[in-house]
Amino acid sequence: MTSPPPVKAKHCVIFEYSPMLTLVQRVYKCGRFVGRKGEHLRLLERTLNIQINIVNHKSSKDFRQIVSEFRNQNSNSHLNDLWVLITLNNDNDGLEKIKQSLENAWKGIDVTTRAKKPRSARIVLSSSLGPPLKSISGDTRWKPKKNTKAN
């Protein structure tokens, strides 16, 4: 009988949001950290040789339980911050170096979004179209028909 693979230790990393950020800016920053279709996370996983799991209310029960145990151990709960679980693929990798690399990637995200220019409506004046091809008054379709019945 084969034994199950050894369970790798998961380490919790908390990325703090600045208290001055709005909800929209927090969502934007988290989205930039993850990247389009998770590209940035996959790049970090490949370069640092780790596995990254972002924990939120949609995460698996096991991940949420790990985070809740970590919260119970620490006095600062950081409820509104981004919780990330990392798993080292190689045990000899430096955990502190990996955490620092992730922290640098998090802090390097600029949340000041550019204000979009308001679109101005293009108004086309009828005089720029030129004279009408046919006068409406000369068109019989626009005039009511005369009663031509003879009594």
N, C-alpha and C. Protein backbone atom coordinates (compact mmCIF):
# COMPACT_ATOMS: atom_id res chain seq x y z
N MET A 1 0.83 -1.17 0.00
CA MET A 1 0.00 0.00 0.00
C MET A 1 0.88 1.24 0.00
N THR A 2 0.54 2.19 -0.84
CA THR A 2 1.35 3.40 -0.94
C THR A 2 0.90 4.41 0.10
N SER A 3 1.86 5.11 0.61
CA SER A 3 1.53 6.13 1.60
C SER A 3 1.17 7.43 0.88
N PRO A 4 0.32 8.24 1.47
CA PRO A 4 -0.05 9.51 0.83
C PRO A 4 1.17 10.43 0.79
N PRO A 5 1.20 11.32 -0.20
CA PRO A 5 2.34 12.24 -0.28
C PRO A 5 2.38 13.12 0.96
N PRO A 6 3.58 13.52 1.37
CA PRO A 6 3.68 14.35 2.57
C PRO A 6 3.00 15.70 2.35
N VAL A 7 2.38 16.17 3.39
CA VAL A 7 1.68 17.45 3.32
C VAL A 7 2.72 18.56 3.45
N LYS A 8 2.73 19.45 2.46
CA LYS A 8 3.68 20.56 2.50
C LYS A 8 3.13 21.66 3.37
N ALA A 9 4.03 22.29 4.09
CA ALA A 9 3.62 23.36 4.99
C ALA A 9 3.18 24.58 4.19
N LYS A 10 2.10 25.18 4.63
CA LYS A 10 1.60 26.41 4.01
C LYS A 10 1.94 27.57 4.92
N HIS A 11 2.42 28.63 4.32
CA HIS A 11 2.81 29.82 5.07
C HIS A 11 1.87 30.95 4.69
N CYS A 12 1.47 31.70 5.68
CA CYS A 12 0.51 32.77 5.48
C CYS A 12 1.24 34.10 5.31
N VAL A 13 0.83 34.83 4.27
CA VAL A 13 1.38 36.17 4.02
C VAL A 13 0.20 37.13 3.94
N ILE A 14 0.33 38.27 4.60
CA ILE A 14 -0.74 39.27 4.60
C ILE A 14 -0.25 40.49 3.84
N PHE A 15 -1.00 40.86 2.82
CA PHE A 15 -0.70 42.09 2.08
C PHE A 15 -1.67 43.16 2.56
N GLU A 16 -1.12 44.18 3.16
CA GLU A 16 -1.97 45.22 3.75
C GLU A 16 -2.31 46.29 2.73
N TYR A 17 -3.55 46.73 2.80
CA TYR A 17 -4.00 47.86 2.01
C TYR A 17 -3.76 49.13 2.81
N SER A 18 -3.47 50.20 2.13
CA SER A 18 -3.37 51.48 2.79
C SER A 18 -4.76 51.89 3.26
N PRO A 19 -4.88 52.45 4.47
CA PRO A 19 -6.22 52.83 4.95
C PRO A 19 -6.85 53.95 4.12
N MET A 20 -6.06 54.63 3.32
CA MET A 20 -6.59 55.74 2.52
C MET A 20 -7.18 55.27 1.19
N LEU A 21 -7.06 53.98 0.87
CA LEU A 21 -7.57 53.49 -0.40
C LEU A 21 -9.08 53.27 -0.35
N THR A 22 -9.72 53.59 -1.43
CA THR A 22 -11.15 53.32 -1.55
C THR A 22 -11.35 51.85 -1.91
N LEU A 23 -12.58 51.41 -1.88
CA LEU A 23 -12.89 50.03 -2.24
C LEU A 23 -12.50 49.76 -3.69
N VAL A 24 -12.77 50.71 -4.56
CA VAL A 24 -12.44 50.54 -5.98
C VAL A 24 -10.93 50.40 -6.16
N GLN A 25 -10.15 51.19 -5.43
CA GLN A 25 -8.70 51.10 -5.53
C GLN A 25 -8.18 49.78 -4.96
N ARG A 26 -8.83 49.26 -3.93
CA ARG A 26 -8.41 47.97 -3.37
C ARG A 26 -8.65 46.84 -4.38
N VAL A 27 -9.81 46.85 -4.99
CA VAL A 27 -10.13 45.84 -6.00
C VAL A 27 -9.17 45.96 -7.18
N TYR A 28 -8.87 47.18 -7.58
CA TYR A 28 -7.95 47.42 -8.68
C TYR A 28 -6.56 46.87 -8.35
N LYS A 29 -6.09 47.13 -7.13
CA LYS A 29 -4.76 46.67 -6.73
C LYS A 29 -4.70 45.14 -6.69
N CYS A 30 -5.72 44.53 -6.15
CA CYS A 30 -5.76 43.06 -6.10
C CYS A 30 -5.78 42.49 -7.52
N GLY A 31 -6.55 43.11 -8.39
CA GLY A 31 -6.62 42.65 -9.78
C GLY A 31 -5.28 42.79 -10.49
N ARG A 32 -4.57 43.87 -10.22
CA ARG A 32 -3.24 44.05 -10.82
C ARG A 32 -2.25 43.03 -10.28
N PHE A 33 -2.39 42.66 -9.00
CA PHE A 33 -1.50 41.66 -8.40
C PHE A 33 -1.73 40.29 -9.03
N VAL A 34 -2.98 39.95 -9.26
CA VAL A 34 -3.30 38.66 -9.86
C VAL A 34 -2.95 38.66 -11.34
N GLY A 35 -3.26 39.76 -12.02
CA GLY A 35 -2.98 39.85 -13.45
C GLY A 35 -4.13 39.30 -14.27
N ARG A 36 -4.07 39.59 -15.56
CA ARG A 36 -5.12 39.11 -16.46
C ARG A 36 -5.05 37.60 -16.54
N LYS A 37 -6.16 36.96 -16.22
CA LYS A 37 -6.29 35.50 -16.20
C LYS A 37 -5.22 34.85 -15.33
N GLY A 38 -4.73 35.57 -14.30
CA GLY A 38 -3.77 35.00 -13.36
C GLY A 38 -2.34 34.97 -13.87
N GLU A 39 -2.04 35.72 -14.93
CA GLU A 39 -0.71 35.69 -15.52
C GLU A 39 0.38 36.12 -14.53
N HIS A 40 0.14 37.18 -13.78
CA HIS A 40 1.16 37.68 -12.87
C HIS A 40 1.41 36.69 -11.73
N LEU A 41 0.36 36.07 -11.22
CA LEU A 41 0.54 35.06 -10.17
C LEU A 41 1.31 33.85 -10.69
N ARG A 42 0.99 33.41 -11.90
CA ARG A 42 1.72 32.27 -12.46
C ARG A 42 3.18 32.60 -12.69
N LEU A 43 3.46 33.84 -13.10
CA LEU A 43 4.84 34.27 -13.28
C LEU A 43 5.59 34.25 -11.94
N LEU A 44 4.94 34.75 -10.88
CA LEU A 44 5.56 34.72 -9.56
C LEU A 44 5.78 33.28 -9.09
N GLU A 45 4.81 32.42 -9.35
CA GLU A 45 4.95 31.01 -8.95
C GLU A 45 6.13 30.35 -9.65
N ARG A 46 6.29 30.63 -10.96
CA ARG A 46 7.40 30.03 -11.70
C ARG A 46 8.75 30.56 -11.24
N THR A 47 8.83 31.88 -11.08
CA THR A 47 10.13 32.47 -10.74
C THR A 47 10.56 32.16 -9.30
N LEU A 48 9.59 32.10 -8.37
CA LEU A 48 9.93 31.85 -6.97
C LEU A 48 9.81 30.38 -6.58
N ASN A 49 9.32 29.54 -7.50
CA ASN A 49 9.16 28.11 -7.27
C ASN A 49 8.26 27.84 -6.06
N ILE A 50 7.08 28.46 -6.09
CA ILE A 50 6.11 28.31 -5.00
C ILE A 50 4.72 28.11 -5.60
N GLN A 51 3.78 27.81 -4.74
CA GLN A 51 2.37 27.78 -5.13
C GLN A 51 1.66 28.84 -4.31
N ILE A 52 0.84 29.67 -4.98
CA ILE A 52 0.16 30.80 -4.33
C ILE A 52 -1.34 30.54 -4.34
N ASN A 53 -1.97 30.72 -3.19
CA ASN A 53 -3.43 30.63 -3.06
C ASN A 53 -3.92 31.89 -2.35
N ILE A 54 -4.80 32.63 -3.01
CA ILE A 54 -5.41 33.80 -2.39
C ILE A 54 -6.65 33.32 -1.65
N VAL A 55 -6.76 33.70 -0.40
CA VAL A 55 -7.85 33.21 0.44
C VAL A 55 -8.89 34.31 0.62
N ASN A 56 -10.14 33.98 0.29
CA ASN A 56 -11.27 34.87 0.52
C ASN A 56 -12.48 34.02 0.87
N HIS A 57 -13.64 34.59 0.86
CA HIS A 57 -14.85 33.85 1.25
C HIS A 57 -15.20 32.73 0.28
N LYS A 58 -14.64 32.76 -0.93
CA LYS A 58 -14.92 31.73 -1.92
C LYS A 58 -13.90 30.59 -1.88
N SER A 59 -12.87 30.72 -1.07
CA SER A 59 -11.82 29.71 -1.01
C SER A 59 -12.33 28.43 -0.34
N SER A 60 -11.54 27.38 -0.47
CA SER A 60 -11.92 26.11 0.13
C SER A 60 -11.95 26.23 1.65
N LYS A 61 -12.69 25.34 2.25
CA LYS A 61 -12.85 25.36 3.72
C LYS A 61 -11.50 25.15 4.41
N ASP A 62 -10.64 24.31 3.83
CA ASP A 62 -9.32 24.06 4.42
C ASP A 62 -8.48 25.33 4.46
N PHE A 63 -8.48 26.07 3.36
CA PHE A 63 -7.69 27.31 3.32
C PHE A 63 -8.23 28.33 4.31
N ARG A 64 -9.55 28.45 4.37
CA ARG A 64 -10.14 29.40 5.31
C ARG A 64 -9.85 29.01 6.76
N GLN A 65 -9.79 27.72 7.03
CA GLN A 65 -9.48 27.26 8.38
C GLN A 65 -8.03 27.58 8.75
N ILE A 66 -7.11 27.42 7.82
CA ILE A 66 -5.71 27.76 8.07
C ILE A 66 -5.59 29.24 8.41
N VAL A 67 -6.28 30.07 7.65
CA VAL A 67 -6.22 31.51 7.89
C VAL A 67 -6.87 31.87 9.23
N SER A 68 -7.97 31.22 9.56
CA SER A 68 -8.63 31.54 10.84
C SER A 68 -7.74 31.12 12.02
N GLU A 69 -7.02 30.01 11.90
CA GLU A 69 -6.08 29.62 12.95
C GLU A 69 -4.95 30.64 13.07
N PHE A 70 -4.49 31.13 11.94
CA PHE A 70 -3.44 32.15 11.96
C PHE A 70 -3.94 33.44 12.60
N ARG A 71 -5.19 33.80 12.32
CA ARG A 71 -5.78 34.99 12.92
C ARG A 71 -5.89 34.85 14.43
N ASN A 72 -6.25 33.66 14.89
CA ASN A 72 -6.37 33.43 16.33
C ASN A 72 -5.04 33.54 17.05
N GLN A 73 -3.95 33.19 16.37
CA GLN A 73 -2.62 33.26 16.97
C GLN A 73 -2.10 34.69 17.05
N ASN A 74 -2.54 35.53 16.13
CA ASN A 74 -2.04 36.92 16.08
C ASN A 74 -3.06 37.88 16.63
N SER A 75 -2.56 38.94 17.25
CA SER A 75 -3.47 39.94 17.82
C SER A 75 -4.05 40.83 16.72
N ASN A 76 -3.26 41.13 15.71
CA ASN A 76 -3.76 41.95 14.60
C ASN A 76 -4.46 41.04 13.61
N SER A 77 -5.74 41.21 13.44
CA SER A 77 -6.49 40.27 12.61
C SER A 77 -6.39 40.58 11.12
N HIS A 78 -6.23 41.85 10.72
CA HIS A 78 -6.10 42.23 9.31
C HIS A 78 -7.28 41.68 8.49
N LEU A 79 -8.47 41.88 8.96
CA LEU A 79 -9.64 41.32 8.28
C LEU A 79 -9.81 41.83 6.87
N ASN A 80 -9.52 43.09 6.64
CA ASN A 80 -9.77 43.69 5.33
C ASN A 80 -8.58 43.62 4.39
N ASP A 81 -7.52 42.93 4.76
CA ASP A 81 -6.34 42.85 3.93
C ASP A 81 -6.39 41.59 3.07
N LEU A 82 -5.45 41.48 2.15
CA LEU A 82 -5.38 40.33 1.26
C LEU A 82 -4.56 39.22 1.90
N TRP A 83 -5.18 38.06 2.08
CA TRP A 83 -4.53 36.90 2.69
C TRP A 83 -4.08 35.95 1.60
N VAL A 84 -2.81 35.55 1.68
CA VAL A 84 -2.23 34.67 0.68
C VAL A 84 -1.54 33.51 1.38
N LEU A 85 -1.82 32.30 0.91
CA LEU A 85 -1.11 31.12 1.41
C LEU A 85 -0.09 30.71 0.36
N ILE A 86 1.14 30.51 0.80
CA ILE A 86 2.17 30.05 -0.12
C ILE A 86 2.67 28.69 0.33
N THR A 87 2.96 27.86 -0.64
CA THR A 87 3.53 26.54 -0.40
C THR A 87 4.84 26.47 -1.15
N LEU A 88 5.91 26.12 -0.45
CA LEU A 88 7.22 26.01 -1.08
C LEU A 88 7.32 24.68 -1.82
N ASN A 89 7.75 24.74 -3.07
CA ASN A 89 7.94 23.50 -3.83
C ASN A 89 9.23 22.80 -3.41
N ASN A 90 10.24 23.59 -3.04
CA ASN A 90 11.50 23.04 -2.52
C ASN A 90 11.68 23.53 -1.10
N ASP A 91 12.01 22.62 -0.21
CA ASP A 91 12.16 23.00 1.19
C ASP A 91 13.39 23.86 1.45
N ASN A 92 14.34 23.85 0.51
CA ASN A 92 15.57 24.60 0.76
C ASN A 92 15.48 26.06 0.33
N ASP A 93 14.35 26.46 -0.25
CA ASP A 93 14.19 27.87 -0.65
C ASP A 93 14.06 28.74 0.60
N GLY A 94 14.60 29.94 0.52
CA GLY A 94 14.52 30.87 1.65
C GLY A 94 13.14 31.49 1.75
N LEU A 95 12.44 31.19 2.82
CA LEU A 95 11.07 31.68 3.00
C LEU A 95 11.04 33.20 3.11
N GLU A 96 11.96 33.76 3.86
CA GLU A 96 11.96 35.22 4.03
C GLU A 96 12.25 35.95 2.73
N LYS A 97 13.12 35.38 1.91
CA LYS A 97 13.43 35.99 0.61
C LYS A 97 12.20 35.96 -0.29
N ILE A 98 11.46 34.86 -0.25
CA ILE A 98 10.24 34.73 -1.06
C ILE A 98 9.18 35.72 -0.58
N LYS A 99 9.01 35.81 0.73
CA LYS A 99 8.03 36.76 1.28
C LYS A 99 8.39 38.19 0.90
N GLN A 100 9.67 38.51 0.93
CA GLN A 100 10.11 39.87 0.57
C GLN A 100 9.86 40.14 -0.92
N SER A 101 10.09 39.15 -1.76
CA SER A 101 9.83 39.31 -3.20
C SER A 101 8.34 39.55 -3.46
N LEU A 102 7.49 38.79 -2.77
CA LEU A 102 6.04 38.99 -2.92
C LEU A 102 5.62 40.36 -2.40
N GLU A 103 6.19 40.76 -1.28
CA GLU A 103 5.87 42.08 -0.70
C GLU A 103 6.29 43.20 -1.64
N ASN A 104 7.44 43.05 -2.27
CA ASN A 104 7.91 44.06 -3.24
C ASN A 104 6.98 44.14 -4.45
N ALA A 105 6.52 42.97 -4.90
CA ALA A 105 5.58 42.96 -6.03
C ALA A 105 4.27 43.64 -5.64
N TRP A 106 3.81 43.43 -4.41
CA TRP A 106 2.57 44.04 -3.93
C TRP A 106 2.73 45.55 -3.80
N LYS A 107 3.83 45.98 -3.21
CA LYS A 107 4.02 47.42 -3.01
C LYS A 107 4.32 48.15 -4.31
N GLY A 108 4.78 47.44 -5.32
CA GLY A 108 5.11 48.07 -6.59
C GLY A 108 3.91 48.39 -7.46
N ILE A 109 2.73 48.01 -7.02
CA ILE A 109 1.52 48.25 -7.81
C ILE A 109 1.02 49.65 -7.53
N ASP A 110 0.88 50.44 -8.58
CA ASP A 110 0.38 51.81 -8.45
C ASP A 110 -1.14 51.79 -8.59
N VAL A 111 -1.82 52.32 -7.59
CA VAL A 111 -3.28 52.29 -7.61
C VAL A 111 -3.90 53.59 -8.09
N THR A 112 -3.09 54.55 -8.43
CA THR A 112 -3.64 55.80 -8.94
C THR A 112 -4.01 55.58 -10.39
N THR A 113 -5.28 55.35 -10.63
CA THR A 113 -5.75 55.11 -11.98
C THR A 113 -5.92 56.44 -12.69
N ARG A 114 -5.69 56.38 -13.97
CA ARG A 114 -5.87 57.60 -14.76
C ARG A 114 -7.34 57.88 -14.94
N ALA A 115 -7.69 59.14 -14.81
CA ALA A 115 -9.08 59.52 -15.05
C ALA A 115 -9.32 59.49 -16.55
N LYS A 116 -10.36 58.80 -16.94
CA LYS A 116 -10.67 58.71 -18.36
C LYS A 116 -11.21 60.05 -18.84
N LYS A 117 -10.80 60.42 -20.04
CA LYS A 117 -11.30 61.65 -20.63
C LYS A 117 -12.78 61.47 -20.96
N PRO A 118 -13.57 62.45 -20.62
CA PRO A 118 -14.98 62.32 -21.01
C PRO A 118 -15.11 62.39 -22.53
N ARG A 119 -15.91 61.53 -23.06
CA ARG A 119 -16.10 61.54 -24.50
C ARG A 119 -17.02 62.68 -24.88
N SER A 120 -16.61 63.41 -25.88
CA SER A 120 -17.47 64.49 -26.36
C SER A 120 -18.30 63.95 -27.52
N ALA A 121 -19.56 64.32 -27.53
CA ALA A 121 -20.44 63.87 -28.58
C ALA A 121 -20.13 64.63 -29.86
N ARG A 122 -20.14 63.92 -30.95
CA ARG A 122 -19.93 64.57 -32.24
C ARG A 122 -21.28 65.02 -32.78
N ILE A 123 -21.40 66.31 -32.93
CA ILE A 123 -22.65 66.87 -33.42
C ILE A 123 -22.48 67.18 -34.90
N VAL A 124 -23.36 66.63 -35.69
CA VAL A 124 -23.32 66.87 -37.12
C VAL A 124 -24.45 67.82 -37.44
N LEU A 125 -24.09 68.98 -37.94
CA LEU A 125 -25.10 69.97 -38.30
C LEU A 125 -25.67 69.65 -39.66
N SER A 126 -26.93 69.93 -39.82
CA SER A 126 -27.58 69.62 -41.08
C SER A 126 -27.02 70.48 -42.22
N SER A 127 -26.51 71.66 -41.90
CA SER A 127 -25.97 72.51 -42.96
C SER A 127 -24.69 71.92 -43.54
N SER A 128 -24.00 71.11 -42.77
CA SER A 128 -22.78 70.52 -43.28
C SER A 128 -23.06 69.36 -44.22
N LEU A 129 -24.31 68.87 -44.21
CA LEU A 129 -24.65 67.77 -45.09
C LEU A 129 -24.96 68.23 -46.50
N GLY A 130 -25.21 69.50 -46.67
CA GLY A 130 -25.53 70.03 -48.00
C GLY A 130 -27.02 70.21 -48.16
N PRO A 131 -27.41 70.76 -49.26
CA PRO A 131 -28.84 71.01 -49.49
C PRO A 131 -29.57 69.69 -49.69
N PRO A 132 -30.86 69.65 -49.31
CA PRO A 132 -31.61 68.42 -49.51
C PRO A 132 -31.78 68.14 -51.00
N LEU A 133 -31.83 66.88 -51.35
CA LEU A 133 -31.94 66.52 -52.75
C LEU A 133 -33.30 66.89 -53.32
N LYS A 134 -34.32 66.77 -52.55
CA LYS A 134 -35.66 67.06 -53.02
C LYS A 134 -36.39 67.81 -51.92
N SER A 135 -37.09 68.78 -52.26
CA SER A 135 -37.82 69.55 -51.29
C SER A 135 -38.97 68.72 -50.74
N ILE A 136 -39.16 68.78 -49.43
CA ILE A 136 -40.26 68.04 -48.83
C ILE A 136 -41.59 68.59 -49.28
N SER A 137 -41.64 69.89 -49.44
CA SER A 137 -42.92 70.50 -49.83
C SER A 137 -43.32 70.10 -51.24
N GLY A 138 -42.37 69.77 -52.09
CA GLY A 138 -42.70 69.37 -53.46
C GLY A 138 -43.02 67.89 -53.57
N ASP A 139 -42.85 67.16 -52.51
CA ASP A 139 -43.10 65.73 -52.54
C ASP A 139 -44.55 65.48 -52.12
N THR A 140 -45.29 64.79 -52.94
CA THR A 140 -46.70 64.56 -52.66
C THR A 140 -46.92 63.53 -51.56
N ARG A 141 -45.92 62.80 -51.23
CA ARG A 141 -46.11 61.81 -50.18
C ARG A 141 -46.33 62.47 -48.83
N TRP A 142 -45.91 63.69 -48.69
CA TRP A 142 -45.99 64.36 -47.40
C TRP A 142 -47.25 65.21 -47.27
N LYS A 143 -48.03 65.27 -48.30
CA LYS A 143 -49.26 66.06 -48.26
C LYS A 143 -50.45 65.11 -48.16
N PRO A 144 -51.45 65.51 -47.39
CA PRO A 144 -52.64 64.67 -47.34
C PRO A 144 -53.34 64.66 -48.70
N LYS A 145 -53.94 63.55 -49.02
CA LYS A 145 -54.65 63.44 -50.31
C LYS A 145 -55.93 64.27 -50.26
N LYS A 146 -56.22 64.88 -51.37
CA LYS A 146 -57.44 65.66 -51.50
C LYS A 146 -58.59 64.72 -51.78
N ASN A 147 -59.72 65.06 -51.24
CA ASN A 147 -60.90 64.26 -51.49
C ASN A 147 -61.35 64.52 -52.91
N THR A 148 -61.22 63.55 -53.77
CA THR A 148 -61.55 63.72 -55.19
C THR A 148 -62.91 63.13 -55.57
N LYS A 149 -63.67 62.62 -54.64
CA LYS A 149 -64.98 62.05 -54.93
C LYS A 149 -65.95 63.17 -55.29
N ALA A 150 -66.65 62.93 -56.32
CA ALA A 150 -67.67 63.89 -56.73
C ALA A 150 -69.00 63.48 -56.12
N ASN A 151 -69.70 64.40 -55.61
CA ASN A 151 -70.99 64.11 -55.02
C ASN A 151 -72.06 64.09 -56.04
